[in-house]
Amino acid sequence: MSLLEVIALDAEDARAAQDGGADRIEVVADMAADGLTPDPDVVGAVREATSLPMRVMLRANAGFRTTGFELDRLRRTAAGLAEAGADGFVLGFLDPFGHIDTAATGKLAAAVAPLPWTFHRAVDHAADPGPAWDAVRHLGGGLDTVLTAGSARGVDAGVGVLVRRAAEDPAAAEMIMAGGGLRRKHVAILAAAGVTAFHVGTAVRPDGAWDAPVDPALVGEWRSLVSAAAR
């Protein structure tokens, strides 16, 4: 069973993603900062626009570290986002040494329980990605997806890492959602290794521009590509 997740910035994007055949959306704000927490009003409008499963970003700054103040604010915000219609979240932090911040991540994961969550691409930016990947895999507490490109430089640079991780461990393959500069040519390679979940943003927008709305026709092309590769 394959999964295609599309980044949505607003209700229009969400409708287009659903019309094109997406399986799930990730709702974020401010892609200039690589995705921050959206306003609950936006999440509510998205929920009215689509019946798709919706994961919402919990991230307060453009980096991957957090503070106690930010974490408390995110915990409170998560409750409002769930009330607005979020049925899952996207989160994850690094500590000052570039290791997975299991304490901060665990606190926020506990706050969103029992909803499922994705650990985002902070794992790709860790000081030592190998141990970071192992640490993320064992976080538990509702974690069911790891959004990763295999490299901080994107899927082009990390596709070999993703293939190796997936091929070596079927359980890892089930958790990997490939994203971060994902291109069409990567899908068949990753699917052959056992990856079944794929994440796209600019790839389904005209000219690859964040200020252009999601195009349902482009989503449909990706849906066909992912479905064919996963057979």
Foldseek 3Di string as FASTA:
>chain_A
DFAEEEEDAAQLQLLLLVLLPHQEYEYFPDCVLPGAFDDLVRLLRNVVNDPHQYAYEHHDGSAQADDPVSLVVSLVVLVSNVVSPHQEYEHFHADPQQATPLVSVLVSLVSNPPGAYEHEASLQRGPDNVVNLVVVVPSDSRYQAYEYLCHPQGVVVGLVVLLVQLQVDVSVLRRYEYDGPDDLVSQLSNLVSRHRHYYDYLQQFVVSDNVGHGHSNSSNVVVVSSVVSND
